[in-house]
Structure formats: structure tokens, C-alpha cells
Amino acid sequence: MLFQIYGETSGWQLLGWVMVFVGLVVANEFARRTKVGGIICFLAIPAVLTAYFIAIYAGAAKGAEWALNNDTYIYMNSWFHYAKLYAATAGCIGFMIIKYQWGKLGKAHWFKAFPFVIVAINILIAVASDFESAIRAGSLAGGWWHSSEGVWLYGGWWNVLNGLAGLINILCMTGWWGIYSSKNGRQDMLWPDMTIYYIIAYDIWNFQYTYLNLPTHAWYCGLALLLAPTFANHFWNKGGWIQNRAHTLALWCMFAQVFPVFQDHSVFTTVTSVYAGGGAAAALGNTMPTAQNPTAQGVISVISLVVNVFVLATIIKRSKEQKKNPYTNEIFTGTKDFEEAMARAE
């Protein structure tokens, strides 16, 4: 079993997952359907939160008890969480500039490469975190280390493999210039060449990243957060997956940064199988866990690397057959996903 879901809190854990999944799907719809929704979600709310974060750290620097005891300060102080929040939010703002063609930037052909750049940056942030975990473990065979947020992580060779899968995943993004606005009032920014091939490769890699490095959050930011944009892309927003992904990621990071106790210290807390049945007490305790079960970590990392290598090989094969550069040209033309997305483009 990938997660420790049993006992008296199992019902709460399942309810928590449903609430997060449904909440993200609904929040994405609010953000994407109107300019007002997007401005509220990715300009107004981040501005307020930035002021809040600055106030917390300024207060903590002065020794203020309210700041030192703030949940965000205690449980969400890692560089990764802030980097991810602001990188994802920057992506959402850039996507709005493109789909609504705001100003000269939104109409500039060169700016169509922005989605690739911002997604690559987000992936590199996670890859750096994966390699950091492998190094801090002290041994590729596996080792515990204590994060700044009080979580015991079991790093090892699985982090290296998944980090490599992340680097390959960047190369799997094709058709950088094939970015469009949708017909329906420019509700969506479409990237038709980002088909199911890429989505599956990305989802497996990113799920494994969360499973390895965010073991008390992966039930939510791994499964629920990844499935929400994929669900929307499949059923009603074909071609808009990367926009869905950026929206849900940014909104989730905002929620998690302000309400970390939901994941770490509540009836909704769910941890991975690496703690060998020790549960949240082992993950969040003051002493190093006495047992570990990294089997799932190793297996999923191998799958992540194999799937990403397969997708890259498919891209190379199609580009050779079509005699196209896969990054300056769209190479998934003729596939079901691509054609359905293009049918929605202006």
C-alpha cells in the first residue's frame, strides 16, 4: 500500500482527499473562466499573502511570540515551498498575459516560449530538491534526514533516479511556439502538443517527487493535486492541461502555506509507506524513525525514469519521421489529443 490509510482516521483521510480534489477542480474553474477570477486568484490574493509572509518573518526576527508560533513560520519555512508558490503564480500570470493578449508582451511571438520556460523552472526546483535529499541522506543506499519543517525524509538512489526523470521530462515538452488562446472568450491558454504522452510522464514523475520529498503531503499534493488538472483536461478543457496544472498548483500552495496543519497535524494527515507502519508519529516525531520501508520509493522511481525515457524516445522517433525539430515545431499533429485541442483554438 502506498499510503497508510487505516484505523480510526481513515474516513477523515478519504474525505480530506475528496475535499481537496473537488476544491481544486472548482477553484480552477473560477480562475480560468473570467479575467476577474484570474486577477483575484493570481494577483490580489498573492499580494495579500506576500504582505502576510513578510509580516510573519519581520515579527519573528524581532522575537514576537505570535510570529514565532505561527503555523506558516513553524511548518512551511523551506525554500522549496516559497519557490514553488511564486514560480507557479508567475506562470499563471504569464499564461493570462498570453491568452488575453495583454499589451505588447501578450502579442509577442517570442513570448509564446514563456510556458516552456516557467514549467522548466518549476521542474528544476523539484529536481534540485530531489538531489538535495539524496545528498543529505548521506548514502545512496538510503538514510534518514530531518527537514527544516520537522519531517523525517528517507533519501537515497530513488531521489537520483527521479531527479534524472525530471530532467528528461523537460526535454519531453515539444512545440514550444504552438501556444494558442481558446475560442470561448479566450478562457484558456492551449498547448496542443502537450498530449497525454507528456501528461502521464509528468504526473508519474511529479507524484514520485512528492512521495519522496513531501511524504506527509503526497496524498494531497501528489494524488489529488495532479489528478485535478488531468481530470479537467480529459473531460472539458482539452489542450488546457498546463494552464489547469499551474492554476491548481498555485492555489494549493497558497492554501498549504497558510494552513499547513491540515496536512501535518490533523485527522486528515496521511503519510507514505516509507515509515513502515509508524504513521504520522514516526514522520513528525523528534527522534529518527526506527524502521523504514523504501520499496515503493524505489519501484516508482524506476517507473518514473522508464516512462520519461519512453516518451522522449517516442518524440525523437516522431521528429525523425516528420523531419521536424520537436521544439520549434508541433510533432503530435494527427493524434486525437492534438486535433481536439486545435479544434478549440482561435
Protein backbone atom coordinates (compact mmCIF):
# COMPACT_ATOMS: atom_id res chain seq x y z
CA MET A 1 0.00 0.00 0.00
CA LEU A 2 1.40 3.41 -0.98
CA PHE A 3 -0.16 5.32 1.90
CA GLN A 4 -1.00 4.49 5.50
CA ILE A 5 -4.80 4.74 5.36
CA TYR A 6 -6.31 2.62 8.08
CA GLY A 7 -7.62 2.87 11.61
CA GLU A 8 -9.99 5.41 13.09
CA THR A 9 -8.83 8.31 10.90
CA SER A 10 -9.12 6.52 7.54
CA GLY A 11 -12.56 8.01 6.86
CA TRP A 12 -11.23 11.50 7.52
CA GLN A 13 -8.26 10.87 5.24
CA LEU A 14 -10.52 9.81 2.37
CA LEU A 15 -12.86 12.74 3.00
CA GLY A 16 -9.89 15.10 3.02
CA TRP A 17 -8.73 13.79 -0.36
CA VAL A 18 -12.19 14.28 -1.90
CA MET A 19 -12.44 17.81 -0.49
CA VAL A 20 -9.04 18.76 -1.90
CA PHE A 21 -9.73 17.23 -5.33
CA VAL A 22 -13.18 18.80 -5.70
CA GLY A 23 -11.99 22.10 -4.25
CA LEU A 24 -9.13 22.34 -6.75
CA VAL A 25 -11.36 21.49 -9.72
CA VAL A 26 -13.86 24.18 -8.69
CA ALA A 27 -11.15 26.75 -7.89
CA ASN A 28 -9.56 26.17 -11.30
CA GLU A 29 -12.88 26.83 -13.00
CA PHE A 30 -13.29 30.09 -11.07
CA ALA A 31 -9.78 31.19 -12.04
CA ARG A 32 -9.95 30.28 -15.73
CA ARG A 33 -13.42 31.36 -16.82
CA THR A 34 -13.12 35.14 -16.34
CA LYS A 35 -10.44 37.82 -16.14
CA VAL A 36 -11.81 38.86 -12.75
CA GLY A 37 -11.40 35.32 -11.41
CA GLY A 38 -7.82 35.15 -12.64
CA ILE A 39 -6.92 38.58 -11.26
CA ILE A 40 -8.36 37.71 -7.85
CA CYS A 41 -6.57 34.36 -7.67
CA PHE A 42 -3.17 35.27 -9.09
CA LEU A 43 -2.71 38.97 -8.41
CA ALA A 44 -4.87 40.06 -5.47
CA ILE A 45 -4.55 37.02 -3.19
CA PRO A 46 -0.76 36.61 -3.74
CA ALA A 47 -0.27 40.31 -2.96
CA VAL A 48 -2.10 39.91 0.34
CA LEU A 49 -0.21 36.72 1.17
CA THR A 50 3.14 38.33 0.39
CA ALA A 51 2.40 41.07 2.90
CA TYR A 52 1.36 38.39 5.39
CA PHE A 53 4.58 36.39 4.91
CA ILE A 54 6.76 39.49 5.25
CA ALA A 55 4.93 40.43 8.46
CA ILE A 56 5.49 36.95 9.90
CA TYR A 57 9.23 36.90 9.24
CA ALA A 58 9.68 40.50 10.34
CA GLY A 59 7.85 39.68 13.57
CA ALA A 60 9.89 36.51 14.10
CA ALA A 61 13.13 38.45 13.60
CA LYS A 62 12.06 40.75 16.43
CA GLY A 63 11.16 37.79 18.63
CA ALA A 64 7.40 38.33 18.57
CA GLU A 65 5.62 35.30 20.02
CA TRP A 66 2.70 35.50 17.57
CA ALA A 67 5.14 35.19 14.66
CA LEU A 68 7.39 32.54 16.19
CA ASN A 69 4.33 30.40 16.94
CA ASN A 70 2.68 30.99 13.56
CA ASP A 71 1.95 27.72 11.71
CA THR A 72 3.41 29.04 8.45
CA TYR A 73 6.65 30.00 10.21
CA ILE A 74 6.94 26.67 12.01
CA TYR A 75 5.81 24.16 9.39
CA MET A 76 6.31 25.83 5.98
CA ASN A 77 9.72 27.51 6.20
CA SER A 78 11.52 25.52 3.49
CA TRP A 79 12.93 27.38 0.48
CA PHE A 80 11.12 24.89 -1.75
CA HIS A 81 7.60 25.90 -0.72
CA TYR A 82 8.16 29.60 -1.34
CA ALA A 83 9.98 28.97 -4.63
CA LYS A 84 7.16 26.73 -5.82
CA LEU A 85 4.41 29.14 -4.78
CA TYR A 86 5.88 32.14 -6.56
CA ALA A 87 7.10 30.23 -9.62
CA ALA A 88 3.63 28.71 -10.10
CA THR A 89 1.95 32.08 -9.57
CA ALA A 90 4.31 33.70 -12.10
CA GLY A 91 3.29 31.00 -14.55
CA CYS A 92 -0.40 31.74 -14.03
CA ILE A 93 0.15 35.47 -14.62
CA GLY A 94 2.18 34.78 -17.75
CA PHE A 95 -0.49 32.45 -19.06
CA MET A 96 -3.13 35.16 -18.59
CA ILE A 97 -0.95 37.63 -20.48
CA ILE A 98 -0.78 35.16 -23.37
CA LYS A 99 -4.40 34.03 -23.51
CA TYR A 100 -5.84 37.54 -23.14
CA GLN A 101 -3.05 39.04 -25.28
CA TRP A 102 -2.40 41.80 -22.74
CA GLY A 103 -0.09 44.50 -24.02
CA LYS A 104 2.81 44.10 -26.40
CA LEU A 105 4.08 41.14 -24.37
CA GLY A 106 0.89 39.16 -24.85
CA LYS A 107 1.02 39.69 -28.61
CA ALA A 108 4.76 39.00 -29.00
CA HIS A 109 5.56 35.76 -30.79
CA TRP A 110 8.73 35.20 -28.74
CA PHE A 111 6.70 35.25 -25.50
CA LYS A 112 4.97 32.04 -26.57
CA ALA A 113 8.07 30.27 -25.26
CA PHE A 114 7.23 31.51 -21.74
CA PRO A 115 5.14 28.42 -20.81
CA PHE A 116 8.10 26.16 -21.59
CA VAL A 117 10.49 28.34 -19.59
CA ILE A 118 8.30 28.60 -16.49
CA VAL A 119 7.42 24.88 -16.48
CA ALA A 120 11.11 24.01 -16.89
CA ILE A 121 11.96 26.28 -13.94
CA ASN A 122 9.30 24.58 -11.80
CA ILE A 123 10.66 21.17 -12.70
CA LEU A 124 14.25 22.24 -11.95
CA ILE A 125 13.18 23.45 -8.49
CA ALA A 126 11.84 19.96 -7.75
CA VAL A 127 14.89 18.25 -9.28
CA ALA A 128 17.19 20.33 -7.07
CA SER A 129 15.13 19.28 -4.05
CA ASP A 130 15.37 15.61 -5.09
CA PHE A 131 19.16 15.78 -5.39
CA GLU A 132 19.35 17.65 -2.08
CA SER A 133 17.53 14.79 -0.37
CA ALA A 134 19.89 12.21 -1.86
CA ILE A 135 22.91 14.19 -0.66
CA ARG A 136 21.57 14.87 2.82
CA ALA A 137 20.71 11.19 3.29
CA GLY A 138 24.44 10.56 3.44
CA SER A 139 24.22 7.32 1.45
CA LEU A 140 22.66 6.30 -1.86
CA ALA A 141 21.64 3.08 -0.14
CA GLY A 142 19.25 5.13 1.97
CA GLY A 143 19.32 7.30 5.06
CA TRP A 144 17.07 9.44 7.26
CA TRP A 145 17.47 13.20 7.48
CA HIS A 146 15.43 15.82 9.30
CA SER A 147 13.99 18.68 7.23
CA SER A 148 13.74 22.26 8.46
CA GLU A 149 9.99 21.71 8.75
CA GLY A 150 10.34 18.85 11.21
CA VAL A 151 9.67 15.94 8.81
CA TRP A 152 11.89 12.85 8.60
CA LEU A 153 12.78 12.07 4.97
CA TYR A 154 14.39 8.86 3.73
CA GLY A 155 16.65 9.83 0.84
CA GLY A 156 18.68 7.60 -1.45
CA TRP A 157 19.22 6.42 -5.02
CA TRP A 158 15.50 6.74 -5.73
CA ASN A 159 15.87 10.52 -5.48
CA VAL A 160 18.69 10.48 -8.03
CA LEU A 161 16.65 8.39 -10.49
CA ASN A 162 13.61 10.62 -10.14
CA GLY A 163 15.76 13.73 -10.47
CA LEU A 164 17.07 12.37 -13.77
CA ALA A 165 13.49 11.62 -14.84
CA GLY A 166 12.63 15.26 -14.14
CA LEU A 167 15.47 16.49 -16.35
CA ILE A 168 14.31 14.19 -19.15
CA ASN A 169 10.74 15.42 -18.62
CA ILE A 170 11.88 18.94 -19.56
CA LEU A 171 13.07 17.55 -22.91
CA CYS A 172 9.65 15.96 -23.42
CA MET A 173 7.96 19.36 -23.79
CA THR A 174 7.54 19.87 -27.54
CA GLY A 175 6.07 22.54 -29.81
CA TRP A 176 7.19 25.48 -27.65
CA TRP A 177 5.77 28.04 -30.09
CA GLY A 178 2.45 26.22 -30.59
CA ILE A 179 0.57 28.21 -27.94
CA TYR A 180 -2.99 29.45 -28.61
CA SER A 181 -5.96 31.15 -26.99
CA SER A 182 -9.24 29.26 -26.97
CA LYS A 183 -12.28 30.38 -28.97
CA ASN A 184 -14.62 30.65 -25.99
CA GLY A 185 -13.77 34.19 -24.93
CA ARG A 186 -10.11 33.26 -24.51
CA GLN A 187 -10.90 31.35 -21.34
CA ASP A 188 -7.91 29.09 -21.85
CA MET A 189 -4.33 29.09 -22.98
CA LEU A 190 -3.89 25.96 -25.09
CA TRP A 191 -0.74 23.94 -25.72
CA PRO A 192 -1.98 21.23 -28.14
CA ASP A 193 1.36 19.42 -28.49
CA MET A 194 1.30 18.69 -24.76
CA THR A 195 -0.70 15.49 -25.22
CA ILE A 196 -1.45 12.52 -22.98
CA TYR A 197 2.11 11.27 -23.57
CA TYR A 198 3.58 14.22 -21.74
CA ILE A 199 0.83 14.43 -19.13
CA ILE A 200 1.35 10.84 -17.98
CA ALA A 201 5.14 11.22 -17.90
CA TYR A 202 4.85 14.43 -15.90
CA ASP A 203 2.23 13.10 -13.48
CA ILE A 204 4.25 10.00 -12.62
CA TRP A 205 7.47 11.99 -12.18
CA ASN A 206 5.82 14.69 -10.08
CA PHE A 207 3.87 12.23 -7.96
CA GLN A 208 7.14 10.48 -7.16
CA TYR A 209 8.75 13.80 -6.30
CA THR A 210 6.04 14.49 -3.71
CA TYR A 211 6.14 10.88 -2.49
CA LEU A 212 9.87 11.12 -1.79
CA ASN A 213 10.19 14.68 -0.55
CA LEU A 214 6.77 15.60 0.83
CA PRO A 215 5.71 12.30 2.42
CA THR A 216 3.19 13.95 4.77
CA HIS A 217 1.64 15.91 1.87
CA ALA A 218 1.79 13.50 -1.08
CA TRP A 219 -1.72 12.12 -0.51
CA TYR A 220 -2.97 15.60 -1.36
CA CYS A 221 -0.29 17.44 -3.37
CA GLY A 222 0.66 14.21 -5.13
CA LEU A 223 -2.57 12.42 -6.00
CA ALA A 224 -5.36 15.00 -5.62
CA LEU A 225 -3.40 17.96 -6.98
CA LEU A 226 -2.13 16.07 -10.03
CA LEU A 227 -5.42 14.39 -10.87
CA ALA A 228 -7.48 17.61 -10.72
CA PRO A 229 -5.92 19.27 -13.83
CA THR A 230 -5.70 15.95 -15.67
CA PHE A 231 -9.39 15.32 -14.96
CA ALA A 232 -10.38 18.76 -16.31
CA ASN A 233 -8.18 18.33 -19.41
CA HIS A 234 -9.74 14.97 -20.20
CA PHE A 235 -13.39 15.89 -19.81
CA TRP A 236 -13.88 19.54 -20.86
CA ASN A 237 -10.67 21.52 -21.25
CA LYS A 238 -8.67 19.63 -23.86
CA GLY A 239 -5.35 21.29 -24.55
CA GLY A 240 -5.54 23.38 -21.39
CA TRP A 241 -3.74 20.94 -19.10
CA ILE A 242 -0.69 23.11 -18.41
CA GLN A 243 -2.93 26.04 -17.51
CA ASN A 244 -5.02 23.77 -15.26
CA ARG A 245 -1.83 22.49 -13.65
CA ALA A 246 -0.43 25.95 -12.98
CA HIS A 247 -3.73 27.21 -11.55
CA THR A 248 -4.26 24.29 -9.20
CA LEU A 249 -0.61 24.21 -8.11
CA ALA A 250 -0.52 27.92 -7.27
CA LEU A 251 -3.86 27.82 -5.44
CA TRP A 252 -2.87 24.72 -3.48
CA CYS A 253 0.47 26.25 -2.49
CA MET A 254 -1.36 29.32 -1.18
CA PHE A 255 -3.70 27.19 0.91
CA ALA A 256 -0.96 24.88 2.19
CA GLN A 257 1.32 27.77 3.12
CA VAL A 258 -1.36 29.37 5.30
CA PHE A 259 -3.00 26.21 6.67
CA PRO A 260 -0.18 23.62 6.99
CA VAL A 261 -1.79 21.92 9.99
CA PHE A 262 -4.42 20.43 7.65
CA GLN A 263 -1.77 18.11 6.22
CA ASP A 264 0.63 17.70 9.10
CA HIS A 265 -1.27 17.76 12.38
CA SER A 266 -4.93 16.86 11.95
CA VAL A 267 -7.25 13.91 11.37
CA PHE A 268 -6.57 14.44 7.66
CA THR A 269 -2.82 13.77 7.98
CA THR A 270 -1.75 10.91 5.72
CA VAL A 271 1.81 9.62 5.35
CA THR A 272 3.51 7.28 2.91
CA SER A 273 4.52 3.67 3.44
CA VAL A 274 8.20 4.56 3.96
CA TYR A 275 7.54 4.87 7.70
CA ALA A 276 6.82 1.11 7.90
CA GLY A 277 3.53 1.47 9.74
CA GLY A 278 4.82 4.12 12.11
CA GLY A 279 2.30 6.66 10.88
CA ALA A 280 2.44 10.40 11.43
CA ALA A 281 4.17 9.92 14.78
CA ALA A 282 7.21 8.46 13.01
CA ALA A 283 7.19 11.09 10.27
CA LEU A 284 6.84 14.09 12.57
CA GLY A 285 8.49 12.84 15.78
CA ASN A 286 11.54 14.36 17.39
CA THR A 287 13.56 11.16 17.11
CA MET A 288 14.69 9.35 13.99
CA PRO A 289 12.29 6.58 12.88
CA THR A 290 13.48 3.12 13.85
CA ALA A 291 12.11 1.35 10.78
CA GLN A 292 11.71 2.12 7.09
CA ASN A 293 10.15 0.56 4.01
CA PRO A 294 11.53 2.26 0.88
CA THR A 295 10.27 -0.42 -1.54
CA ALA A 296 7.60 1.79 -3.10
CA GLN A 297 10.07 4.66 -3.33
CA GLY A 298 12.46 2.56 -5.39
CA VAL A 299 9.81 0.98 -7.63
CA ILE A 300 8.09 4.25 -8.50
CA SER A 301 11.40 5.98 -9.27
CA VAL A 302 12.29 3.22 -11.74
CA ILE A 303 8.84 3.56 -13.37
CA SER A 304 9.22 7.34 -13.49
CA LEU A 305 12.56 7.13 -15.28
CA VAL A 306 11.43 4.40 -17.70
CA VAL A 307 8.22 6.25 -18.68
CA ASN A 308 10.03 9.52 -19.30
CA VAL A 309 12.73 7.79 -21.37
CA PHE A 310 9.97 6.07 -23.40
CA VAL A 311 8.17 9.37 -24.08
CA LEU A 312 11.42 11.06 -25.11
CA ALA A 313 12.20 8.13 -27.42
CA THR A 314 8.72 8.49 -28.95
CA ILE A 315 9.33 12.19 -29.53
CA ILE A 316 12.70 11.50 -31.20
CA LYS A 317 11.10 8.84 -33.40
CA ARG A 318 8.24 11.12 -34.49
CA SER A 319 10.57 14.05 -35.12
CA LYS A 320 12.80 11.92 -37.36
CA GLU A 321 9.83 10.53 -39.28
CA GLN A 322 8.41 14.02 -39.82
CA LYS A 323 11.83 15.63 -40.31
CA LYS A 324 10.93 18.29 -37.76
CA ASN A 325 12.64 19.94 -34.83
CA PRO A 326 10.35 18.84 -31.97
CA TYR A 327 10.80 22.10 -30.06
CA THR A 328 10.24 24.64 -32.83
CA ASN A 329 7.53 22.54 -34.46
CA GLU A 330 4.48 20.59 -33.30
CA ILE A 331 5.05 16.86 -33.77
CA PHE A 332 1.88 15.34 -32.37
CA THR A 333 -0.29 16.59 -35.22
CA GLY A 334 -2.77 13.93 -36.29
CA THR A 335 -3.16 12.47 -32.80
CA LYS A 336 -6.55 12.57 -31.10
CA ASP A 337 -5.43 14.84 -28.26
CA PHE A 338 -3.77 17.33 -30.58
CA GLU A 339 -6.68 17.61 -33.01
CA GLU A 340 -9.26 18.00 -30.23
CA ALA A 341 -7.21 20.78 -28.69
CA MET A 342 -6.69 22.56 -32.00
CA ALA A 343 -10.44 22.46 -32.64
CA ARG A 344 -10.79 24.74 -29.59
CA ALA A 345 -8.10 27.22 -30.69
CA GLU A 346 -8.75 30.65 -32.17
